[in-house]
Amino acid sequence: MQIKVNGQSHDLAVQDNALLIEVIRDQLQLTGTHNGCDTTQCGCCTVLMNETAVKSCTILAKQAEGASIQTIEGLAKDQLHPVQQAFSEEHGLQCGYCTPGMIMSTVYLLQRHPDPTDEQIKEGLAGNICRCTGYVNIIKAVKSAAKKIQDATI
């Protein structure tokens, strides 16, 4: 199959039942995407597929044939992405296990809602679980990221 991950094209041999997360982590060695539950409940495995947030633990790799995938590793270029920076500054992470999925879901949320309300943030991150219960700081981080992105485009 052919897939583009973080801007790089890859031709890969995959089994019919291989999951996208397995290809990302095992074949491409991009271990920032975490596997937490295998049931779409926790959101740790969230990536962007054709600019839409998906949970890679329940997407067959073959379903991503020809798609453009962005993982947490693909966000930062010469410096941290504004969402990554905001999560760090606002202490929107604790153990860090949920953080890649939270960040990727936030990137997707801010593409659709550049200045989100608290309710939009809660709804946008509803598929992501923080077992450390860092939600107050996560919401602060999302708002900070929105401001950083707005300020950068002015």
N, C-alpha and C. Protein backbone atom coordinates (compact mmCIF):
# COMPACT_ATOMS: atom_id res chain seq x y z
N MET A 1 0.84 -1.18 0.00
CA MET A 1 0.00 0.00 0.00
C MET A 1 0.88 1.24 0.00
N GLN A 2 0.32 2.33 -0.46
CA GLN A 2 1.04 3.60 -0.43
C GLN A 2 0.31 4.54 0.52
N ILE A 3 1.12 5.23 1.33
CA ILE A 3 0.57 6.14 2.34
C ILE A 3 1.57 7.27 2.53
N LYS A 4 1.05 8.45 2.81
CA LYS A 4 1.92 9.59 3.10
C LYS A 4 1.76 9.91 4.59
N VAL A 5 2.88 9.89 5.31
CA VAL A 5 2.86 10.17 6.73
C VAL A 5 3.81 11.32 7.01
N ASN A 6 3.27 12.36 7.60
CA ASN A 6 4.05 13.56 7.92
C ASN A 6 4.81 14.10 6.71
N GLY A 7 4.13 14.03 5.56
CA GLY A 7 4.69 14.59 4.34
C GLY A 7 5.59 13.65 3.55
N GLN A 8 5.90 12.48 4.09
CA GLN A 8 6.76 11.52 3.40
C GLN A 8 5.93 10.37 2.86
N SER A 9 6.16 10.03 1.59
CA SER A 9 5.46 8.90 0.99
C SER A 9 6.15 7.59 1.36
N HIS A 10 5.33 6.57 1.60
CA HIS A 10 5.84 5.25 1.95
C HIS A 10 5.10 4.20 1.14
N ASP A 11 5.84 3.25 0.60
CA ASP A 11 5.26 2.05 -0.01
C ASP A 11 5.49 0.92 0.98
N LEU A 12 4.40 0.35 1.50
CA LEU A 12 4.50 -0.64 2.56
C LEU A 12 3.74 -1.91 2.22
N ALA A 13 4.27 -3.01 2.69
CA ALA A 13 3.53 -4.27 2.64
C ALA A 13 2.84 -4.42 3.98
N VAL A 14 1.53 -4.57 3.94
CA VAL A 14 0.77 -4.72 5.18
C VAL A 14 -0.20 -5.88 5.06
N GLN A 15 -0.46 -6.54 6.18
CA GLN A 15 -1.45 -7.60 6.21
C GLN A 15 -2.84 -6.98 6.12
N ASP A 16 -3.79 -7.75 5.62
CA ASP A 16 -5.15 -7.25 5.47
C ASP A 16 -5.77 -6.79 6.78
N ASN A 17 -5.39 -7.41 7.89
CA ASN A 17 -5.98 -7.06 9.17
C ASN A 17 -5.12 -6.10 9.99
N ALA A 18 -4.05 -5.57 9.41
CA ALA A 18 -3.18 -4.63 10.14
C ALA A 18 -3.92 -3.32 10.39
N LEU A 19 -3.75 -2.81 11.60
CA LEU A 19 -4.35 -1.53 11.96
C LEU A 19 -3.41 -0.39 11.63
N LEU A 20 -3.97 0.78 11.40
CA LEU A 20 -3.16 1.95 11.08
C LEU A 20 -2.15 2.24 12.19
N ILE A 21 -2.55 2.10 13.44
CA ILE A 21 -1.62 2.36 14.54
C ILE A 21 -0.42 1.41 14.49
N GLU A 22 -0.64 0.17 14.06
CA GLU A 22 0.47 -0.79 13.96
C GLU A 22 1.45 -0.37 12.88
N VAL A 23 0.93 0.12 11.77
CA VAL A 23 1.80 0.60 10.70
C VAL A 23 2.59 1.81 11.18
N ILE A 24 1.90 2.74 11.83
CA ILE A 24 2.57 3.96 12.31
C ILE A 24 3.66 3.63 13.33
N ARG A 25 3.32 2.83 14.31
CA ARG A 25 4.26 2.54 15.40
C ARG A 25 5.31 1.49 15.01
N ASP A 26 4.86 0.38 14.46
CA ASP A 26 5.75 -0.76 14.24
C ASP A 26 6.55 -0.68 12.95
N GLN A 27 5.90 -0.29 11.87
CA GLN A 27 6.61 -0.25 10.60
C GLN A 27 7.35 1.07 10.39
N LEU A 28 6.72 2.17 10.76
CA LEU A 28 7.34 3.48 10.53
C LEU A 28 8.11 3.99 11.75
N GLN A 29 8.00 3.28 12.87
CA GLN A 29 8.73 3.63 14.10
C GLN A 29 8.39 5.03 14.63
N LEU A 30 7.15 5.46 14.43
CA LEU A 30 6.67 6.74 14.96
C LEU A 30 5.86 6.42 16.22
N THR A 31 6.57 6.39 17.34
CA THR A 31 5.97 5.89 18.58
C THR A 31 5.30 6.97 19.43
N GLY A 32 5.19 8.17 18.90
CA GLY A 32 4.48 9.23 19.63
C GLY A 32 2.99 8.96 19.70
N THR A 33 2.46 8.26 18.71
CA THR A 33 1.05 7.87 18.72
C THR A 33 0.93 6.68 19.66
N HIS A 34 0.14 6.83 20.71
CA HIS A 34 0.05 5.78 21.73
C HIS A 34 -1.15 4.88 21.51
N ASN A 35 -1.01 3.65 21.98
CA ASN A 35 -2.10 2.68 21.93
C ASN A 35 -2.55 2.44 23.36
N GLY A 36 -3.75 2.90 23.67
CA GLY A 36 -4.22 2.81 25.04
C GLY A 36 -5.30 1.79 25.28
N CYS A 37 -6.23 1.62 24.34
CA CYS A 37 -7.39 0.79 24.65
C CYS A 37 -7.81 -0.15 23.53
N ASP A 38 -7.47 0.15 22.30
CA ASP A 38 -7.90 -0.64 21.12
C ASP A 38 -9.40 -0.62 20.88
N THR A 39 -10.12 0.30 21.51
CA THR A 39 -11.58 0.33 21.35
C THR A 39 -12.13 1.72 21.07
N THR A 40 -11.32 2.67 20.72
CA THR A 40 -11.66 4.07 20.45
C THR A 40 -12.12 4.84 21.68
N GLN A 41 -12.00 4.26 22.86
CA GLN A 41 -12.49 4.92 24.06
C GLN A 41 -11.56 6.02 24.57
N CYS A 42 -10.23 5.84 24.45
CA CYS A 42 -9.31 6.76 25.15
C CYS A 42 -8.77 7.89 24.27
N GLY A 43 -8.67 7.69 22.97
CA GLY A 43 -8.20 8.74 22.09
C GLY A 43 -6.70 8.91 22.02
N CYS A 44 -5.93 8.09 22.73
CA CYS A 44 -4.46 8.21 22.72
C CYS A 44 -3.87 8.04 21.32
N CYS A 45 -4.57 7.32 20.47
CA CYS A 45 -4.05 6.99 19.15
C CYS A 45 -4.51 7.96 18.05
N THR A 46 -5.08 9.08 18.43
CA THR A 46 -5.64 10.03 17.46
C THR A 46 -4.56 10.60 16.55
N VAL A 47 -4.81 10.55 15.26
CA VAL A 47 -3.97 11.15 14.23
C VAL A 47 -4.90 11.89 13.28
N LEU A 48 -4.33 12.67 12.39
CA LEU A 48 -5.14 13.31 11.35
C LEU A 48 -4.98 12.52 10.07
N MET A 49 -6.09 12.11 9.49
CA MET A 49 -6.09 11.41 8.21
C MET A 49 -6.85 12.30 7.23
N ASN A 50 -6.12 12.78 6.24
CA ASN A 50 -6.71 13.74 5.30
C ASN A 50 -7.35 14.91 6.06
N GLU A 51 -6.62 15.38 7.08
CA GLU A 51 -6.97 16.54 7.90
C GLU A 51 -8.19 16.34 8.80
N THR A 52 -8.59 15.08 9.02
CA THR A 52 -9.69 14.75 9.91
C THR A 52 -9.16 13.89 11.04
N ALA A 53 -9.54 14.19 12.27
CA ALA A 53 -9.10 13.40 13.41
C ALA A 53 -9.73 12.01 13.36
N VAL A 54 -8.88 10.98 13.45
CA VAL A 54 -9.35 9.59 13.49
C VAL A 54 -8.58 8.85 14.58
N LYS A 55 -9.18 7.82 15.08
CA LYS A 55 -8.52 6.97 16.07
C LYS A 55 -7.89 5.80 15.33
N SER A 56 -6.59 5.81 15.29
CA SER A 56 -5.86 4.86 14.44
C SER A 56 -5.90 3.43 14.94
N CYS A 57 -6.42 3.19 16.15
CA CYS A 57 -6.50 1.82 16.66
C CYS A 57 -7.66 1.04 16.05
N THR A 58 -8.56 1.72 15.37
CA THR A 58 -9.70 1.01 14.77
C THR A 58 -9.82 1.27 13.27
N ILE A 59 -8.78 1.83 12.68
CA ILE A 59 -8.75 2.04 11.23
C ILE A 59 -7.84 0.98 10.64
N LEU A 60 -8.34 0.20 9.73
CA LEU A 60 -7.47 -0.75 9.04
C LEU A 60 -6.47 0.03 8.20
N ALA A 61 -5.26 -0.42 8.18
CA ALA A 61 -4.22 0.26 7.40
C ALA A 61 -4.66 0.40 5.95
N LYS A 62 -5.29 -0.61 5.42
CA LYS A 62 -5.73 -0.58 4.01
C LYS A 62 -6.75 0.53 3.76
N GLN A 63 -7.48 0.94 4.80
CA GLN A 63 -8.43 2.03 4.67
C GLN A 63 -7.70 3.37 4.49
N ALA A 64 -6.44 3.41 4.87
CA ALA A 64 -5.65 4.64 4.74
C ALA A 64 -4.85 4.66 3.44
N GLU A 65 -5.07 3.69 2.57
CA GLU A 65 -4.38 3.63 1.28
C GLU A 65 -4.53 4.97 0.55
N GLY A 66 -3.42 5.58 0.20
CA GLY A 66 -3.42 6.84 -0.53
C GLY A 66 -3.70 8.07 0.32
N ALA A 67 -3.93 7.87 1.60
CA ALA A 67 -4.27 8.99 2.48
C ALA A 67 -3.02 9.74 2.92
N SER A 68 -3.26 10.93 3.43
CA SER A 68 -2.21 11.74 4.05
C SER A 68 -2.45 11.71 5.55
N ILE A 69 -1.48 11.19 6.28
CA ILE A 69 -1.58 11.03 7.73
C ILE A 69 -0.63 12.01 8.39
N GLN A 70 -1.09 12.64 9.46
CA GLN A 70 -0.22 13.48 10.26
C GLN A 70 -0.24 12.95 11.68
N THR A 71 0.95 12.70 12.21
CA THR A 71 1.08 12.24 13.59
C THR A 71 1.66 13.37 14.43
N ILE A 72 1.76 13.13 15.71
CA ILE A 72 2.32 14.13 16.62
C ILE A 72 3.73 14.52 16.18
N GLU A 73 4.49 13.58 15.64
CA GLU A 73 5.86 13.87 15.19
C GLU A 73 5.88 14.85 14.02
N GLY A 74 4.80 14.92 13.27
CA GLY A 74 4.74 15.78 12.10
C GLY A 74 4.30 17.21 12.37
N LEU A 75 3.95 17.53 13.61
CA LEU A 75 3.48 18.88 13.92
C LEU A 75 4.61 19.90 13.99
N ALA A 76 5.63 19.58 14.75
CA ALA A 76 6.72 20.54 14.97
C ALA A 76 7.62 20.58 13.73
N LYS A 77 7.96 21.76 13.32
CA LYS A 77 8.92 21.93 12.22
C LYS A 77 10.23 22.41 12.85
N ASP A 78 10.55 23.68 12.74
CA ASP A 78 11.74 24.22 13.37
C ASP A 78 11.52 24.52 14.85
N GLN A 79 10.26 24.62 15.24
CA GLN A 79 9.91 24.88 16.63
C GLN A 79 8.61 24.15 16.93
N LEU A 80 8.24 24.12 18.19
CA LEU A 80 7.00 23.45 18.57
C LEU A 80 5.81 24.10 17.87
N HIS A 81 4.85 23.28 17.51
CA HIS A 81 3.57 23.76 16.99
C HIS A 81 2.91 24.56 18.12
N PRO A 82 2.12 25.60 17.82
CA PRO A 82 1.47 26.39 18.87
C PRO A 82 0.66 25.55 19.86
N VAL A 83 0.06 24.47 19.40
CA VAL A 83 -0.71 23.62 20.31
C VAL A 83 0.24 22.90 21.27
N GLN A 84 1.34 22.38 20.75
CA GLN A 84 2.33 21.74 21.62
C GLN A 84 2.89 22.72 22.64
N GLN A 85 3.18 23.90 22.17
CA GLN A 85 3.73 24.94 23.04
C GLN A 85 2.74 25.30 24.14
N ALA A 86 1.48 25.46 23.78
CA ALA A 86 0.45 25.81 24.76
C ALA A 86 0.25 24.71 25.79
N PHE A 87 0.27 23.46 25.37
CA PHE A 87 0.12 22.36 26.32
C PHE A 87 1.27 22.36 27.32
N SER A 88 2.46 22.67 26.85
CA SER A 88 3.62 22.72 27.74
C SER A 88 3.50 23.90 28.71
N GLU A 89 3.21 25.08 28.18
CA GLU A 89 3.15 26.28 29.00
C GLU A 89 2.02 26.26 30.02
N GLU A 90 0.89 25.69 29.64
CA GLU A 90 -0.30 25.70 30.51
C GLU A 90 -0.40 24.42 31.35
N HIS A 91 0.62 23.59 31.31
CA HIS A 91 0.63 22.33 32.08
C HIS A 91 -0.57 21.46 31.73
N GLY A 92 -0.84 21.37 30.42
CA GLY A 92 -1.95 20.57 29.92
C GLY A 92 -1.58 19.11 29.78
N LEU A 93 -0.56 18.69 30.48
CA LEU A 93 -0.16 17.29 30.47
C LEU A 93 0.37 16.93 31.83
N GLN A 94 0.19 15.68 32.18
CA GLN A 94 0.77 15.21 33.44
C GLN A 94 1.64 14.00 33.12
N CYS A 95 1.08 12.80 33.04
CA CYS A 95 1.92 11.65 32.72
C CYS A 95 2.33 11.67 31.25
N GLY A 96 1.53 12.34 30.42
CA GLY A 96 1.86 12.49 29.01
C GLY A 96 1.30 11.41 28.10
N TYR A 97 0.68 10.39 28.65
CA TYR A 97 0.22 9.30 27.79
C TYR A 97 -0.89 9.74 26.84
N CYS A 98 -1.82 10.53 27.32
CA CYS A 98 -2.93 10.99 26.49
C CYS A 98 -2.55 12.17 25.60
N THR A 99 -1.43 12.82 25.92
CA THR A 99 -1.08 14.10 25.32
C THR A 99 -1.04 14.09 23.79
N PRO A 100 -0.40 13.11 23.13
CA PRO A 100 -0.39 13.15 21.66
C PRO A 100 -1.80 13.15 21.06
N GLY A 101 -2.68 12.33 21.60
CA GLY A 101 -4.06 12.29 21.10
C GLY A 101 -4.80 13.58 21.39
N MET A 102 -4.60 14.13 22.60
CA MET A 102 -5.23 15.40 22.96
C MET A 102 -4.76 16.51 22.02
N ILE A 103 -3.47 16.54 21.75
CA ILE A 103 -2.91 17.58 20.88
C ILE A 103 -3.45 17.44 19.46
N MET A 104 -3.48 16.23 18.94
CA MET A 104 -3.97 16.05 17.57
C MET A 104 -5.46 16.39 17.49
N SER A 105 -6.23 16.03 18.50
CA SER A 105 -7.65 16.40 18.52
C SER A 105 -7.82 17.91 18.63
N THR A 106 -6.94 18.56 19.37
CA THR A 106 -6.99 20.02 19.51
C THR A 106 -6.67 20.69 18.19
N VAL A 107 -5.68 20.19 17.48
CA VAL A 107 -5.34 20.74 16.15
C VAL A 107 -6.58 20.67 15.25
N TYR A 108 -7.23 19.53 15.25
CA TYR A 108 -8.44 19.36 14.44
C TYR A 108 -9.55 20.31 14.90
N LEU A 109 -9.75 20.40 16.21
CA LEU A 109 -10.77 21.29 16.77
C LEU A 109 -10.53 22.74 16.34
N LEU A 110 -9.28 23.20 16.45
CA LEU A 110 -8.98 24.60 16.13
C LEU A 110 -9.04 24.89 14.64
N GLN A 111 -8.94 23.88 13.81
CA GLN A 111 -9.15 24.08 12.37
C GLN A 111 -10.62 24.38 12.10
N ARG A 112 -11.50 23.80 12.87
CA ARG A 112 -12.94 23.99 12.69
C ARG A 112 -13.50 25.14 13.51
N HIS A 113 -12.89 25.38 14.68
CA HIS A 113 -13.35 26.43 15.60
C HIS A 113 -12.13 27.21 16.09
N PRO A 114 -11.71 28.22 15.36
CA PRO A 114 -10.48 28.96 15.72
C PRO A 114 -10.53 29.66 17.07
N ASP A 115 -11.72 29.98 17.54
CA ASP A 115 -11.88 30.63 18.85
C ASP A 115 -12.97 29.88 19.61
N PRO A 116 -12.66 28.67 20.08
CA PRO A 116 -13.71 27.81 20.63
C PRO A 116 -14.19 28.24 22.01
N THR A 117 -15.45 27.98 22.24
CA THR A 117 -16.03 28.16 23.58
C THR A 117 -15.62 26.96 24.44
N ASP A 118 -15.84 27.08 25.74
CA ASP A 118 -15.56 25.94 26.62
C ASP A 118 -16.36 24.71 26.18
N GLU A 119 -17.60 24.93 25.81
CA GLU A 119 -18.45 23.81 25.39
C GLU A 119 -17.91 23.16 24.11
N GLN A 120 -17.45 23.95 23.15
CA GLN A 120 -16.87 23.39 21.93
C GLN A 120 -15.58 22.62 22.23
N ILE A 121 -14.81 23.12 23.18
CA ILE A 121 -13.58 22.41 23.57
C ILE A 121 -13.94 21.07 24.19
N LYS A 122 -14.87 21.08 25.12
CA LYS A 122 -15.29 19.83 25.77
C LYS A 122 -15.84 18.84 24.76
N GLU A 123 -16.64 19.34 23.83
CA GLU A 123 -17.19 18.46 22.80
C GLU A 123 -16.10 17.96 21.87
N GLY A 124 -15.18 18.84 21.48
CA GLY A 124 -14.11 18.47 20.57
C GLY A 124 -13.13 17.47 21.14
N LEU A 125 -12.99 17.47 22.46
CA LEU A 125 -12.06 16.54 23.12
C LEU A 125 -12.79 15.39 23.82
N ALA A 126 -14.08 15.27 23.59
CA ALA A 126 -14.89 14.26 24.29
C ALA A 126 -14.39 12.84 24.05
N GLY A 127 -13.76 12.57 22.95
CA GLY A 127 -13.27 11.23 22.64
C GLY A 127 -11.89 10.96 23.18
N ASN A 128 -11.36 11.85 24.02
CA ASN A 128 -10.03 11.69 24.58
C ASN A 128 -10.14 11.67 26.10
N ILE A 129 -9.49 10.70 26.71
CA ILE A 129 -9.54 10.57 28.17
C ILE A 129 -8.16 10.87 28.75
N CYS A 130 -8.15 11.72 29.78
CA CYS A 130 -6.95 11.97 30.56
C CYS A 130 -7.14 11.25 31.89
N ARG A 131 -6.40 10.19 32.08
CA ARG A 131 -6.55 9.42 33.31
C ARG A 131 -6.01 10.17 34.52
N CYS A 132 -5.16 11.17 34.29
CA CYS A 132 -4.63 11.99 35.39
C CYS A 132 -5.59 13.11 35.75
N THR A 133 -6.67 13.25 35.02
CA THR A 133 -7.71 14.27 35.19
C THR A 133 -7.17 15.68 35.12
N GLY A 134 -6.38 15.95 34.11
CA GLY A 134 -5.82 17.28 33.91
C GLY A 134 -6.69 18.18 33.05
N TYR A 135 -7.99 17.98 33.08
CA TYR A 135 -8.88 18.68 32.15
C TYR A 135 -8.88 20.20 32.30
N VAL A 136 -8.77 20.71 33.50
CA VAL A 136 -8.79 22.17 33.68
C VAL A 136 -7.63 22.79 32.91
N ASN A 137 -6.44 22.24 33.06
CA ASN A 137 -5.28 22.78 32.35
C ASN A 137 -5.31 22.46 30.86
N ILE A 138 -5.94 21.36 30.49
CA ILE A 138 -6.07 21.04 29.07
C ILE A 138 -6.95 22.09 28.39
N ILE A 139 -8.05 22.47 29.03
CA ILE A 139 -8.92 23.51 28.46
C ILE A 139 -8.17 24.83 28.37
N LYS A 140 -7.38 25.16 29.40
CA LYS A 140 -6.55 26.37 29.34
C LYS A 140 -5.58 26.29 28.18
N ALA A 141 -4.99 25.13 27.97
CA ALA A 141 -4.03 24.95 26.88
C ALA A 141 -4.68 25.14 25.52
N VAL A 142 -5.88 24.62 25.35
CA VAL A 142 -6.59 24.78 24.08
C VAL A 142 -6.87 26.25 23.80
N LYS A 143 -7.34 26.98 24.83
CA LYS A 143 -7.61 28.41 24.66
C LYS A 143 -6.32 29.18 24.36
N SER A 144 -5.25 28.83 25.03
CA SER A 144 -3.96 29.48 24.77
C SER A 144 -3.48 29.19 23.36
N ALA A 145 -3.64 27.95 22.91
CA ALA A 145 -3.24 27.57 21.55
C ALA A 145 -4.04 28.36 20.52
N ALA A 146 -5.33 28.50 20.77
CA ALA A 146 -6.19 29.27 19.84
C ALA A 146 -5.67 30.70 19.72
N LYS A 147 -5.32 31.30 20.85
CA LYS A 147 -4.81 32.69 20.84
C LYS A 147 -3.47 32.75 20.11
N LYS A 148 -2.58 31.79 20.36
CA LYS A 148 -1.29 31.76 19.69
C LYS A 148 -1.46 31.68 18.17
N ILE A 149 -2.37 30.82 17.73
CA ILE A 149 -2.59 30.67 16.29
C ILE A 149 -3.20 31.94 15.71
N GLN A 150 -4.16 32.54 16.42
CA GLN A 150 -4.76 33.79 15.94
C GLN A 150 -3.72 34.88 15.87
N ASP A 151 -2.88 35.00 16.90
CA ASP A 151 -1.84 36.04 16.92
C ASP A 151 -0.83 35.85 15.79
N ALA A 152 -0.55 34.60 15.45
CA ALA A 152 0.43 34.32 14.39
C ALA A 152 -0.11 34.65 13.01
N THR A 153 -1.44 34.67 12.85
CA THR A 153 -2.02 34.94 11.54
C THR A 153 -2.34 36.41 11.34
N ILE A 154 -2.17 37.21 12.39
CA ILE A 154 -2.49 38.64 12.27
C ILE A 154 -1.33 39.37 11.63
